[in-house]
N, C-alpha and C. Protein backbone atom coordinates (compact mmCIF):
# COMPACT_ATOMS: atom_id res chain seq x y z
N MET A 1 10.71 -167.51 219.58
CA MET A 1 10.19 -166.26 220.14
C MET A 1 8.74 -166.47 220.59
N LYS A 2 8.42 -165.99 221.77
CA LYS A 2 7.07 -166.13 222.31
C LYS A 2 6.10 -165.25 221.52
N THR A 3 4.83 -165.66 221.55
CA THR A 3 3.80 -164.92 220.80
C THR A 3 3.74 -163.46 221.24
N ARG A 4 3.85 -163.22 222.52
CA ARG A 4 3.81 -161.84 223.02
C ARG A 4 4.92 -161.00 222.41
N ASP A 5 6.11 -161.56 222.35
CA ASP A 5 7.25 -160.83 221.77
C ASP A 5 7.06 -160.63 220.27
N LYS A 6 6.49 -161.63 219.60
CA LYS A 6 6.22 -161.49 218.17
C LYS A 6 5.22 -160.37 217.90
N ILE A 7 4.23 -160.28 218.77
CA ILE A 7 3.23 -159.21 218.62
C ILE A 7 3.89 -157.84 218.74
N LEU A 8 4.76 -157.69 219.71
CA LEU A 8 5.43 -156.40 219.92
C LEU A 8 6.34 -156.06 218.75
N LEU A 9 7.10 -157.04 218.27
CA LEU A 9 8.02 -156.80 217.16
C LEU A 9 7.24 -156.47 215.88
N THR A 10 6.19 -157.23 215.63
CA THR A 10 5.38 -156.97 214.43
C THR A 10 4.69 -155.62 214.52
N SER A 11 4.19 -155.28 215.69
CA SER A 11 3.55 -153.97 215.88
C SER A 11 4.54 -152.85 215.61
N LEU A 12 5.75 -152.99 216.14
CA LEU A 12 6.77 -151.97 215.93
C LEU A 12 7.06 -151.79 214.45
N ASN A 13 7.22 -152.89 213.74
CA ASN A 13 7.52 -152.82 212.31
C ASN A 13 6.36 -152.18 211.53
N LEU A 14 5.14 -152.56 211.86
CA LEU A 14 3.98 -151.98 211.17
C LEU A 14 3.81 -150.51 211.51
N PHE A 15 3.98 -150.15 212.77
CA PHE A 15 3.87 -148.75 213.16
C PHE A 15 4.90 -147.90 212.42
N ASN A 16 6.13 -148.42 212.33
CA ASN A 16 7.19 -147.67 211.67
C ASN A 16 6.94 -147.53 210.17
N SER A 17 6.43 -148.57 209.55
CA SER A 17 6.28 -148.56 208.09
C SER A 17 4.97 -147.90 207.64
N GLU A 18 3.89 -148.09 208.42
CA GLU A 18 2.58 -147.60 208.00
C GLU A 18 2.12 -146.37 208.77
N GLY A 19 2.75 -146.09 209.89
CA GLY A 19 2.29 -145.01 210.75
C GLY A 19 1.35 -145.56 211.80
N GLU A 20 1.61 -145.26 213.06
CA GLU A 20 0.83 -145.83 214.16
C GLU A 20 -0.67 -145.61 214.04
N PRO A 21 -1.15 -144.42 213.63
CA PRO A 21 -2.61 -144.23 213.55
C PRO A 21 -3.27 -145.10 212.49
N ASN A 22 -2.50 -145.57 211.52
CA ASN A 22 -3.06 -146.33 210.40
C ASN A 22 -3.08 -147.84 210.65
N VAL A 23 -2.60 -148.27 211.79
CA VAL A 23 -2.50 -149.70 212.09
C VAL A 23 -3.47 -150.07 213.21
N THR A 24 -4.26 -151.11 212.98
CA THR A 24 -5.19 -151.59 214.00
C THR A 24 -4.69 -152.93 214.55
N THR A 25 -5.32 -153.38 215.62
CA THR A 25 -4.96 -154.68 216.17
C THR A 25 -5.30 -155.80 215.19
N VAL A 26 -6.34 -155.58 214.38
CA VAL A 26 -6.69 -156.58 213.35
C VAL A 26 -5.56 -156.67 212.32
N ASP A 27 -5.01 -155.52 211.95
CA ASP A 27 -3.87 -155.52 211.01
C ASP A 27 -2.70 -156.30 211.59
N ILE A 28 -2.44 -156.09 212.87
CA ILE A 28 -1.33 -156.78 213.53
C ILE A 28 -1.58 -158.28 213.56
N ALA A 29 -2.80 -158.67 213.91
CA ALA A 29 -3.15 -160.09 213.95
C ALA A 29 -3.03 -160.72 212.56
N ASN A 30 -3.50 -160.02 211.54
CA ASN A 30 -3.40 -160.54 210.17
C ASN A 30 -1.95 -160.71 209.74
N GLU A 31 -1.11 -159.75 210.11
CA GLU A 31 0.30 -159.82 209.75
C GLU A 31 0.96 -161.04 210.40
N LEU A 32 0.52 -161.36 211.60
CA LEU A 32 1.07 -162.51 212.33
C LEU A 32 0.37 -163.82 211.98
N ASP A 33 -0.73 -163.71 211.24
CA ASP A 33 -1.55 -164.87 210.91
C ASP A 33 -2.07 -165.55 212.18
N ILE A 34 -2.56 -164.72 213.09
CA ILE A 34 -3.22 -165.23 214.29
C ILE A 34 -4.60 -164.57 214.38
N SER A 35 -5.46 -165.10 215.21
CA SER A 35 -6.79 -164.52 215.35
C SER A 35 -6.72 -163.27 216.24
N PRO A 36 -7.65 -162.32 216.04
CA PRO A 36 -7.71 -161.15 216.93
C PRO A 36 -7.89 -161.57 218.40
N GLY A 37 -8.61 -162.68 218.60
CA GLY A 37 -8.79 -163.16 219.96
C GLY A 37 -7.48 -163.60 220.60
N ASN A 38 -6.62 -164.24 219.80
CA ASN A 38 -5.30 -164.65 220.30
C ASN A 38 -4.49 -163.42 220.68
N LEU A 39 -4.53 -162.39 219.85
CA LEU A 39 -3.80 -161.16 220.17
C LEU A 39 -4.37 -160.52 221.44
N TYR A 40 -5.71 -160.53 221.56
CA TYR A 40 -6.36 -159.92 222.72
C TYR A 40 -5.99 -160.65 224.01
N TYR A 41 -5.69 -161.92 223.91
CA TYR A 41 -5.27 -162.68 225.07
C TYR A 41 -3.99 -162.10 225.67
N HIS A 42 -3.12 -161.59 224.81
CA HIS A 42 -1.84 -161.03 225.26
C HIS A 42 -1.91 -159.52 225.52
N PHE A 43 -2.67 -158.80 224.70
CA PHE A 43 -2.79 -157.35 224.83
C PHE A 43 -4.25 -156.94 224.61
N HIS A 44 -4.83 -156.29 225.60
CA HIS A 44 -6.22 -155.89 225.52
C HIS A 44 -6.35 -154.56 224.77
N GLY A 45 -5.93 -154.54 223.52
CA GLY A 45 -6.06 -153.34 222.71
C GLY A 45 -4.71 -152.76 222.32
N LYS A 46 -4.74 -151.85 221.35
CA LYS A 46 -3.51 -151.24 220.84
C LYS A 46 -2.85 -150.37 221.91
N GLU A 47 -3.66 -149.83 222.82
CA GLU A 47 -3.10 -148.97 223.87
C GLU A 47 -2.06 -149.71 224.69
N GLN A 48 -2.36 -150.96 225.03
CA GLN A 48 -1.41 -151.75 225.82
C GLN A 48 -0.15 -152.06 225.02
N ILE A 49 -0.29 -152.26 223.72
CA ILE A 49 0.87 -152.53 222.88
C ILE A 49 1.79 -151.31 222.83
N ILE A 50 1.19 -150.14 222.64
CA ILE A 50 1.98 -148.90 222.58
C ILE A 50 2.68 -148.66 223.91
N THR A 51 1.98 -148.87 224.99
CA THR A 51 2.58 -148.68 226.32
C THR A 51 3.76 -149.61 226.54
N GLU A 52 3.60 -150.86 226.13
CA GLU A 52 4.67 -151.84 226.30
C GLU A 52 5.86 -151.51 225.39
N LEU A 53 5.58 -151.10 224.16
CA LEU A 53 6.66 -150.71 223.25
C LEU A 53 7.42 -149.51 223.81
N TYR A 54 6.70 -148.56 224.37
CA TYR A 54 7.37 -147.38 224.92
C TYR A 54 8.26 -147.76 226.10
N LYS A 55 7.79 -148.65 226.95
CA LYS A 55 8.60 -149.08 228.09
C LYS A 55 9.92 -149.68 227.63
N GLY A 56 9.86 -150.52 226.58
CA GLY A 56 11.09 -151.10 226.05
C GLY A 56 12.00 -150.06 225.46
N PHE A 57 11.43 -149.12 224.70
CA PHE A 57 12.20 -148.02 224.11
C PHE A 57 12.85 -147.19 225.21
N GLU A 58 12.08 -146.84 226.21
CA GLU A 58 12.57 -146.00 227.31
C GLU A 58 13.73 -146.69 228.04
N LEU A 59 13.60 -147.97 228.29
CA LEU A 59 14.64 -148.71 229.00
C LEU A 59 15.94 -148.70 228.20
N GLU A 60 15.85 -148.98 226.90
CA GLU A 60 17.05 -149.02 226.05
C GLU A 60 17.66 -147.63 225.90
N PHE A 61 16.82 -146.62 225.67
CA PHE A 61 17.32 -145.28 225.42
C PHE A 61 17.92 -144.66 226.68
N THR A 62 17.33 -144.96 227.82
CA THR A 62 17.88 -144.46 229.08
C THR A 62 19.29 -144.98 229.29
N GLU A 63 19.49 -146.25 229.01
CA GLU A 63 20.84 -146.84 229.14
C GLU A 63 21.83 -146.16 228.20
N ILE A 64 21.39 -145.88 226.97
CA ILE A 64 22.26 -145.22 226.00
C ILE A 64 22.59 -143.79 226.45
N LEU A 65 21.57 -143.04 226.87
CA LEU A 65 21.77 -141.64 227.25
C LEU A 65 22.57 -141.49 228.53
N GLU A 66 22.52 -142.48 229.39
CA GLU A 66 23.28 -142.38 230.64
C GLU A 66 24.76 -142.72 230.47
N ALA A 67 25.13 -143.28 229.32
CA ALA A 67 26.52 -143.69 229.08
C ALA A 67 27.52 -142.56 229.31
N PRO A 68 27.32 -141.36 228.72
CA PRO A 68 28.31 -140.29 228.95
C PRO A 68 28.24 -139.69 230.35
N LEU A 69 27.18 -140.00 231.09
CA LEU A 69 27.10 -139.54 232.48
C LEU A 69 27.94 -140.42 233.39
N ASP A 70 28.14 -141.66 232.96
CA ASP A 70 28.84 -142.65 233.79
C ASP A 70 30.33 -142.76 233.48
N LYS A 71 30.71 -142.41 232.24
CA LYS A 71 32.12 -142.53 231.88
C LYS A 71 32.50 -141.48 230.85
N VAL A 72 33.78 -141.18 230.77
CA VAL A 72 34.28 -140.20 229.80
C VAL A 72 34.45 -140.88 228.45
N LEU A 73 33.89 -140.26 227.41
CA LEU A 73 34.05 -140.76 226.05
C LEU A 73 35.18 -140.00 225.37
N ASN A 74 36.04 -140.72 224.65
CA ASN A 74 37.05 -139.99 223.89
C ASN A 74 36.38 -139.35 222.69
N PRO A 75 37.02 -138.36 222.06
CA PRO A 75 36.37 -137.61 220.97
C PRO A 75 35.82 -138.50 219.86
N GLN A 76 36.56 -139.52 219.46
CA GLN A 76 36.10 -140.40 218.39
C GLN A 76 34.86 -141.18 218.82
N ASP A 77 34.88 -141.63 220.07
CA ASP A 77 33.72 -142.35 220.59
C ASP A 77 32.49 -141.46 220.67
N SER A 78 32.70 -140.17 220.93
CA SER A 78 31.58 -139.23 221.00
C SER A 78 30.86 -139.15 219.66
N TRP A 79 31.62 -139.19 218.59
CA TRP A 79 31.04 -139.15 217.25
C TRP A 79 30.25 -140.43 216.99
N PHE A 80 30.85 -141.58 217.25
CA PHE A 80 30.15 -142.85 217.04
C PHE A 80 28.91 -142.95 217.95
N TYR A 81 29.03 -142.37 219.14
CA TYR A 81 27.92 -142.38 220.08
C TYR A 81 26.68 -141.71 219.48
N LEU A 82 26.90 -140.65 218.70
CA LEU A 82 25.78 -139.97 218.06
C LEU A 82 25.00 -140.91 217.15
N TYR A 83 25.71 -141.76 216.43
CA TYR A 83 25.03 -142.71 215.54
C TYR A 83 24.16 -143.67 216.33
N ILE A 84 24.65 -144.11 217.48
CA ILE A 84 23.87 -145.02 218.32
C ILE A 84 22.58 -144.33 218.78
N VAL A 85 22.71 -143.06 219.18
CA VAL A 85 21.55 -142.30 219.65
C VAL A 85 20.53 -142.13 218.52
N PHE A 86 21.00 -141.71 217.35
CA PHE A 86 20.08 -141.50 216.24
C PHE A 86 19.46 -142.80 215.74
N GLU A 87 20.20 -143.88 215.79
CA GLU A 87 19.64 -145.17 215.40
C GLU A 87 18.52 -145.59 216.34
N GLN A 88 18.70 -145.31 217.62
CA GLN A 88 17.65 -145.66 218.59
C GLN A 88 16.37 -144.87 218.31
N VAL A 89 16.52 -143.59 218.04
CA VAL A 89 15.35 -142.77 217.69
C VAL A 89 14.70 -143.30 216.41
N PHE A 90 15.53 -143.59 215.42
CA PHE A 90 15.00 -144.06 214.13
C PHE A 90 14.29 -145.39 214.27
N ASN A 91 14.79 -146.28 215.10
CA ASN A 91 14.17 -147.59 215.28
C ASN A 91 12.78 -147.49 215.90
N HIS A 92 12.48 -146.35 216.53
CA HIS A 92 11.16 -146.12 217.12
C HIS A 92 10.55 -144.86 216.52
N ARG A 93 10.74 -144.71 215.22
CA ARG A 93 10.32 -143.47 214.54
C ARG A 93 8.82 -143.27 214.56
N TYR A 94 8.02 -144.34 214.65
CA TYR A 94 6.57 -144.18 214.72
C TYR A 94 6.18 -143.26 215.87
N PHE A 95 6.92 -143.38 216.98
CA PHE A 95 6.63 -142.60 218.18
C PHE A 95 6.93 -141.13 217.92
N TYR A 96 8.07 -140.85 217.32
CA TYR A 96 8.46 -139.46 217.07
C TYR A 96 7.64 -138.83 215.95
N HIS A 97 7.28 -139.60 214.94
CA HIS A 97 6.45 -139.07 213.86
C HIS A 97 5.09 -138.61 214.36
N ASN A 98 4.59 -139.28 215.38
CA ASN A 98 3.25 -138.99 215.91
C ASN A 98 3.33 -138.54 217.36
N LEU A 99 4.39 -137.82 217.67
CA LEU A 99 4.74 -137.51 219.06
C LEU A 99 3.63 -136.79 219.82
N ASN A 100 3.16 -135.65 219.31
CA ASN A 100 2.18 -134.86 220.04
C ASN A 100 0.89 -135.63 220.28
N ASP A 101 0.44 -136.36 219.27
CA ASP A 101 -0.80 -137.12 219.40
C ASP A 101 -0.68 -138.21 220.46
N ILE A 102 0.43 -138.94 220.43
CA ILE A 102 0.64 -140.03 221.40
C ILE A 102 0.73 -139.46 222.81
N LEU A 103 1.45 -138.35 222.98
CA LEU A 103 1.60 -137.77 224.31
C LEU A 103 0.27 -137.25 224.85
N GLN A 104 -0.60 -136.79 223.98
CA GLN A 104 -1.92 -136.35 224.41
C GLN A 104 -2.81 -137.53 224.81
N ARG A 105 -2.68 -138.62 224.10
CA ARG A 105 -3.52 -139.79 224.38
C ARG A 105 -3.04 -140.58 225.59
N TYR A 106 -1.75 -140.46 225.89
CA TYR A 106 -1.17 -141.27 226.97
C TYR A 106 -0.45 -140.38 227.97
N PRO A 107 -1.16 -139.83 228.95
CA PRO A 107 -0.56 -138.92 229.93
C PRO A 107 0.63 -139.53 230.69
N ASP A 108 0.55 -140.83 230.96
CA ASP A 108 1.66 -141.47 231.68
C ASP A 108 2.92 -141.50 230.82
N ILE A 109 2.76 -141.78 229.53
CA ILE A 109 3.90 -141.76 228.62
C ILE A 109 4.47 -140.35 228.53
N LYS A 110 3.60 -139.34 228.52
CA LYS A 110 4.06 -137.96 228.45
C LYS A 110 4.96 -137.62 229.63
N LYS A 111 4.55 -138.01 230.85
CA LYS A 111 5.36 -137.75 232.03
C LYS A 111 6.72 -138.42 231.92
N ARG A 112 6.73 -139.62 231.44
CA ARG A 112 7.98 -140.38 231.33
C ARG A 112 8.86 -139.81 230.22
N PHE A 113 8.21 -139.38 229.11
CA PHE A 113 8.99 -138.84 228.01
C PHE A 113 9.63 -137.51 228.38
N LEU A 114 8.97 -136.71 229.18
CA LEU A 114 9.56 -135.44 229.61
C LEU A 114 10.85 -135.68 230.40
N LYS A 115 10.88 -136.75 231.17
CA LYS A 115 12.11 -137.11 231.88
C LYS A 115 13.18 -137.56 230.90
N LEU A 116 12.76 -138.28 229.86
CA LEU A 116 13.71 -138.73 228.84
C LEU A 116 14.26 -137.53 228.07
N LEU A 117 13.41 -136.53 227.85
CA LEU A 117 13.84 -135.32 227.17
C LEU A 117 14.93 -134.61 227.97
N GLU A 118 14.75 -134.55 229.28
CA GLU A 118 15.77 -133.94 230.14
C GLU A 118 17.06 -134.75 230.11
N LEU A 119 16.91 -136.07 230.01
CA LEU A 119 18.09 -136.93 229.97
C LEU A 119 18.86 -136.71 228.67
N LYS A 120 18.16 -136.45 227.57
CA LYS A 120 18.85 -136.10 226.32
C LYS A 120 19.73 -134.87 226.54
N ARG A 121 19.17 -133.90 227.20
CA ARG A 121 19.90 -132.67 227.45
C ARG A 121 21.08 -132.91 228.40
N ASP A 122 20.86 -133.73 229.42
CA ASP A 122 21.94 -134.05 230.37
C ASP A 122 23.09 -134.77 229.66
N ALA A 123 22.74 -135.68 228.75
CA ALA A 123 23.78 -136.41 228.01
C ALA A 123 24.57 -135.44 227.13
N ALA A 124 23.86 -134.52 226.47
CA ALA A 124 24.53 -133.52 225.64
C ALA A 124 25.46 -132.66 226.48
N ARG A 125 25.01 -132.28 227.66
CA ARG A 125 25.84 -131.44 228.54
C ARG A 125 27.07 -132.20 229.02
N ALA A 126 26.89 -133.48 229.36
CA ALA A 126 28.02 -134.28 229.82
C ALA A 126 29.10 -134.39 228.74
N ILE A 127 28.67 -134.63 227.50
CA ILE A 127 29.64 -134.74 226.40
C ILE A 127 30.29 -133.39 226.14
N ALA A 128 29.50 -132.32 226.16
CA ALA A 128 30.04 -130.98 225.93
C ALA A 128 31.09 -130.64 227.00
N ASP A 129 30.80 -130.95 228.23
CA ASP A 129 31.77 -130.66 229.32
C ASP A 129 33.07 -131.44 229.11
N GLN A 130 32.93 -132.69 228.67
CA GLN A 130 34.13 -133.50 228.41
C GLN A 130 34.96 -132.91 227.28
N LEU A 131 34.29 -132.44 226.23
CA LEU A 131 34.99 -131.86 225.08
C LEU A 131 35.61 -130.51 225.42
N ILE A 132 34.95 -129.75 226.29
CA ILE A 132 35.52 -128.48 226.75
C ILE A 132 36.77 -128.75 227.59
N GLU A 133 36.68 -129.74 228.46
CA GLU A 133 37.82 -130.11 229.31
C GLU A 133 39.01 -130.55 228.46
N ALA A 134 38.73 -131.22 227.34
CA ALA A 134 39.80 -131.68 226.45
C ALA A 134 40.25 -130.59 225.47
N GLU A 135 39.66 -129.38 225.61
CA GLU A 135 39.98 -128.22 224.76
C GLU A 135 39.64 -128.48 223.29
N ILE A 136 38.59 -129.27 223.09
CA ILE A 136 38.10 -129.54 221.74
C ILE A 136 37.00 -128.54 221.39
N LEU A 137 36.19 -128.18 222.38
CA LEU A 137 35.17 -127.16 222.20
C LEU A 137 35.60 -125.87 222.87
N GLU A 138 35.34 -124.77 222.20
CA GLU A 138 35.60 -123.44 222.76
C GLU A 138 34.27 -122.70 222.78
N ILE A 139 33.67 -122.63 223.96
CA ILE A 139 32.31 -122.11 224.07
C ILE A 139 32.08 -121.57 225.47
N SER A 140 31.27 -120.52 225.57
CA SER A 140 30.95 -119.94 226.88
C SER A 140 29.93 -120.79 227.61
N GLU A 141 29.74 -120.50 228.89
CA GLU A 141 28.77 -121.24 229.69
C GLU A 141 27.36 -121.06 229.12
N GLY A 142 27.03 -119.82 228.78
CA GLY A 142 25.71 -119.58 228.19
C GLY A 142 25.56 -120.28 226.85
N GLY A 143 26.64 -120.31 226.09
CA GLY A 143 26.62 -120.99 224.80
C GLY A 143 26.38 -122.48 224.93
N VAL A 144 26.97 -123.08 225.96
CA VAL A 144 26.77 -124.51 226.20
C VAL A 144 25.30 -124.81 226.48
N GLU A 145 24.68 -123.96 227.29
CA GLU A 145 23.27 -124.18 227.62
C GLU A 145 22.40 -124.14 226.37
N HIS A 146 22.63 -123.17 225.51
CA HIS A 146 21.86 -123.07 224.27
C HIS A 146 22.15 -124.25 223.34
N LEU A 147 23.41 -124.64 223.28
CA LEU A 147 23.79 -125.76 222.43
C LEU A 147 23.09 -127.04 222.86
N CYS A 148 23.07 -127.30 224.16
CA CYS A 148 22.43 -128.52 224.66
C CYS A 148 20.93 -128.51 224.40
N ASP A 149 20.30 -127.35 224.53
CA ASP A 149 18.88 -127.24 224.19
C ASP A 149 18.65 -127.58 222.72
N ASN A 150 19.51 -127.06 221.85
CA ASN A 150 19.36 -127.30 220.42
C ASN A 150 19.62 -128.76 220.06
N VAL A 151 20.54 -129.39 220.77
CA VAL A 151 20.81 -130.81 220.52
C VAL A 151 19.57 -131.64 220.89
N ALA A 152 18.99 -131.37 222.06
CA ALA A 152 17.80 -132.10 222.48
C ALA A 152 16.65 -131.85 221.52
N LEU A 153 16.50 -130.62 221.07
CA LEU A 153 15.45 -130.28 220.11
C LEU A 153 15.66 -131.03 218.80
N ASN A 154 16.90 -131.04 218.32
CA ASN A 154 17.22 -131.72 217.07
C ASN A 154 16.89 -133.21 217.15
N LEU A 155 17.27 -133.83 218.25
CA LEU A 155 17.01 -135.26 218.42
C LEU A 155 15.52 -135.57 218.47
N THR A 156 14.75 -134.64 218.99
CA THR A 156 13.32 -134.89 219.18
C THR A 156 12.51 -134.64 217.92
N PHE A 157 12.91 -133.66 217.11
CA PHE A 157 12.08 -133.26 215.97
C PHE A 157 12.76 -133.44 214.61
N TRP A 158 13.92 -134.07 214.60
CA TRP A 158 14.64 -134.30 213.35
C TRP A 158 13.81 -135.12 212.36
N LEU A 159 13.15 -136.16 212.81
CA LEU A 159 12.37 -137.01 211.93
C LEU A 159 11.14 -136.27 211.39
N ASN A 160 10.49 -135.46 212.23
CA ASN A 160 9.34 -134.71 211.77
C ASN A 160 9.72 -133.70 210.69
N TYR A 161 10.88 -133.09 210.86
CA TYR A 161 11.37 -132.13 209.87
C TYR A 161 11.53 -132.81 208.51
N ASN A 162 12.16 -133.96 208.51
CA ASN A 162 12.36 -134.69 207.25
C ASN A 162 11.05 -135.19 206.67
N GLN A 163 10.14 -135.59 207.55
CA GLN A 163 8.84 -136.06 207.08
C GLN A 163 8.07 -134.92 206.40
N LEU A 164 8.11 -133.73 206.97
CA LEU A 164 7.41 -132.58 206.40
C LEU A 164 8.00 -132.18 205.05
N ARG A 165 9.30 -132.35 204.92
CA ARG A 165 9.95 -132.00 203.65
C ARG A 165 9.74 -133.08 202.59
N GLN A 166 9.22 -134.23 203.03
CA GLN A 166 8.92 -135.35 202.13
C GLN A 166 10.12 -135.73 201.26
N GLN A 167 11.28 -135.79 201.91
CA GLN A 167 12.49 -136.17 201.21
C GLN A 167 12.61 -137.69 201.14
N GLU A 168 12.94 -138.19 199.97
CA GLU A 168 13.14 -139.62 199.79
C GLU A 168 14.61 -139.95 200.07
N ALA A 169 14.84 -140.82 201.01
CA ALA A 169 16.21 -141.20 201.35
C ALA A 169 16.19 -142.55 202.04
N SER A 170 17.29 -143.27 201.93
CA SER A 170 17.40 -144.56 202.61
C SER A 170 17.50 -144.34 204.11
N ASN A 171 17.26 -145.42 204.85
CA ASN A 171 17.38 -145.34 206.30
C ASN A 171 18.77 -144.90 206.73
N GLU A 172 19.79 -145.44 206.05
CA GLU A 172 21.16 -145.10 206.40
C GLU A 172 21.42 -143.60 206.21
N VAL A 173 20.94 -143.06 205.09
CA VAL A 173 21.16 -141.64 204.82
C VAL A 173 20.43 -140.77 205.83
N LEU A 174 19.22 -141.16 206.20
CA LEU A 174 18.46 -140.38 207.19
C LEU A 174 19.20 -140.29 208.52
N ILE A 175 19.78 -141.40 208.94
CA ILE A 175 20.53 -141.41 210.20
C ILE A 175 21.78 -140.55 210.08
N HIS A 176 22.50 -140.68 208.97
CA HIS A 176 23.68 -139.86 208.76
C HIS A 176 23.30 -138.38 208.68
N GLN A 177 22.16 -138.10 208.09
CA GLN A 177 21.71 -136.71 208.00
C GLN A 177 21.48 -136.13 209.40
N GLY A 178 20.85 -136.93 210.27
CA GLY A 178 20.64 -136.48 211.63
C GLY A 178 21.94 -136.17 212.34
N VAL A 179 22.91 -137.05 212.19
CA VAL A 179 24.22 -136.84 212.82
C VAL A 179 24.90 -135.60 212.25
N PHE A 180 24.82 -135.44 210.92
CA PHE A 180 25.46 -134.29 210.28
C PHE A 180 24.81 -132.98 210.72
N GLN A 181 23.49 -132.97 210.83
CA GLN A 181 22.80 -131.77 211.30
C GLN A 181 23.25 -131.39 212.71
N LEU A 182 23.40 -132.39 213.54
CA LEU A 182 23.85 -132.13 214.90
C LEU A 182 25.31 -131.66 214.93
N MET A 183 26.14 -132.28 214.11
CA MET A 183 27.54 -131.85 214.02
C MET A 183 27.63 -130.42 213.51
N SER A 184 26.68 -130.01 212.66
CA SER A 184 26.67 -128.64 212.16
C SER A 184 26.39 -127.64 213.29
N LEU A 185 25.62 -128.07 214.29
CA LEU A 185 25.38 -127.22 215.45
C LEU A 185 26.65 -127.03 216.28
N VAL A 186 27.45 -128.09 216.34
CA VAL A 186 28.66 -128.08 217.16
C VAL A 186 29.83 -127.41 216.44
N ALA A 187 29.85 -127.49 215.12
CA ALA A 187 30.99 -127.05 214.31
C ALA A 187 31.53 -125.66 214.65
N PRO A 188 30.67 -124.64 214.85
CA PRO A 188 31.21 -123.30 215.13
C PRO A 188 32.05 -123.21 216.40
N TYR A 189 31.91 -124.20 217.27
CA TYR A 189 32.61 -124.15 218.56
C TYR A 189 33.82 -125.08 218.61
N LEU A 190 34.09 -125.79 217.53
CA LEU A 190 35.24 -126.69 217.50
C LEU A 190 36.54 -125.90 217.42
N ALA A 191 37.50 -126.29 218.24
CA ALA A 191 38.83 -125.69 218.15
C ALA A 191 39.42 -126.01 216.78
N GLU A 192 40.30 -125.16 216.31
CA GLU A 192 40.83 -125.28 214.95
C GLU A 192 41.42 -126.67 214.68
N ASP A 193 42.15 -127.20 215.64
CA ASP A 193 42.81 -128.51 215.45
C ASP A 193 41.82 -129.66 215.35
N PHE A 194 40.55 -129.40 215.68
CA PHE A 194 39.56 -130.48 215.69
C PHE A 194 38.43 -130.23 214.70
N ARG A 195 38.64 -129.31 213.78
CA ARG A 195 37.64 -129.06 212.76
C ARG A 195 37.42 -130.28 211.86
N TYR A 196 38.42 -131.15 211.84
CA TYR A 196 38.31 -132.31 210.96
C TYR A 196 37.16 -133.23 211.37
N PHE A 197 36.72 -133.17 212.64
CA PHE A 197 35.56 -133.96 213.04
C PHE A 197 34.35 -133.59 212.19
N TYR A 198 34.14 -132.30 212.02
CA TYR A 198 33.02 -131.84 211.22
C TYR A 198 33.24 -132.13 209.74
N GLU A 199 34.46 -131.90 209.27
CA GLU A 199 34.75 -132.12 207.85
C GLU A 199 34.56 -133.59 207.46
N GLU A 200 34.95 -134.50 208.34
CA GLU A 200 34.76 -135.93 208.07
C GLU A 200 33.28 -136.28 208.04
N SER A 201 32.52 -135.70 208.94
CA SER A 201 31.08 -135.95 208.98
C SER A 201 30.42 -135.42 207.71
N ARG A 202 30.81 -134.24 207.28
CA ARG A 202 30.24 -133.67 206.06
C ARG A 202 30.61 -134.49 204.83
N ALA A 203 31.88 -134.90 204.75
CA ALA A 203 32.33 -135.69 203.60
C ALA A 203 31.58 -137.01 203.50
N LEU A 204 31.36 -137.66 204.65
CA LEU A 204 30.64 -138.93 204.67
C LEU A 204 29.20 -138.73 204.23
N PHE A 205 28.56 -137.69 204.75
CA PHE A 205 27.16 -137.44 204.39
C PHE A 205 27.02 -137.09 202.91
N GLU A 206 27.92 -136.27 202.39
CA GLU A 206 27.86 -135.90 200.97
C GLU A 206 28.09 -137.11 200.07
N ALA A 207 29.00 -137.99 200.48
CA ALA A 207 29.27 -139.19 199.68
C ALA A 207 28.03 -140.09 199.65
N LEU A 208 27.35 -140.21 200.77
CA LEU A 208 26.15 -141.05 200.85
C LEU A 208 25.01 -140.49 200.02
N THR A 209 24.83 -139.17 200.08
CA THR A 209 23.73 -138.56 199.33
C THR A 209 23.98 -138.63 197.83
N LYS A 210 25.21 -138.56 197.41
CA LYS A 210 25.53 -138.66 195.99
C LYS A 210 25.27 -140.07 195.44
N SER A 211 25.39 -141.06 196.32
CA SER A 211 25.21 -142.44 195.86
C SER A 211 23.75 -142.86 195.87
N GLU A 212 22.86 -142.00 196.37
CA GLU A 212 21.42 -142.33 196.42
C GLU A 212 20.81 -142.32 195.01
């Protein structure tokens, strides 16, 4: 792995574990056992590292969110798809934990993130339309709009909610919790024959929390 890539990976890990505001370029250099000057050769400050990390996150997440826009997902795949989405958010949790501060400091990232936010909503709408077409969801047009807003909101602030509650949980449980919370939003609109989607999600989450 090239030094530049090592810097980005180490920065991501430190930001996620320590919190982005608490990590300096000196901390990153020390973790890599390189000189600050060597790090500066590749990135002229933490700002460039954050910008580069966001570009990588945006590229990966855009591909994930566009998946239901490009093809129809079967109901089971839609459930698994949620785990992929939540894992992507969790893998870049430093960004979401410090969302408002980062968006204020980086106007360009804010513009790009607002587009990503709309894409979250578009992906939710695409899946909802597919489930309505398959008669799995029973919901009005106005209800779909509100549901998609709530899904995008949940995806964006789920980590902050858990952080504020200071709940101790493993990474796996946190991701399952996010999926279960989202499934709870959808549950009231599931057709009777498909209620088991929610029941399976709840059973899995309860089993995981009991084993903690």
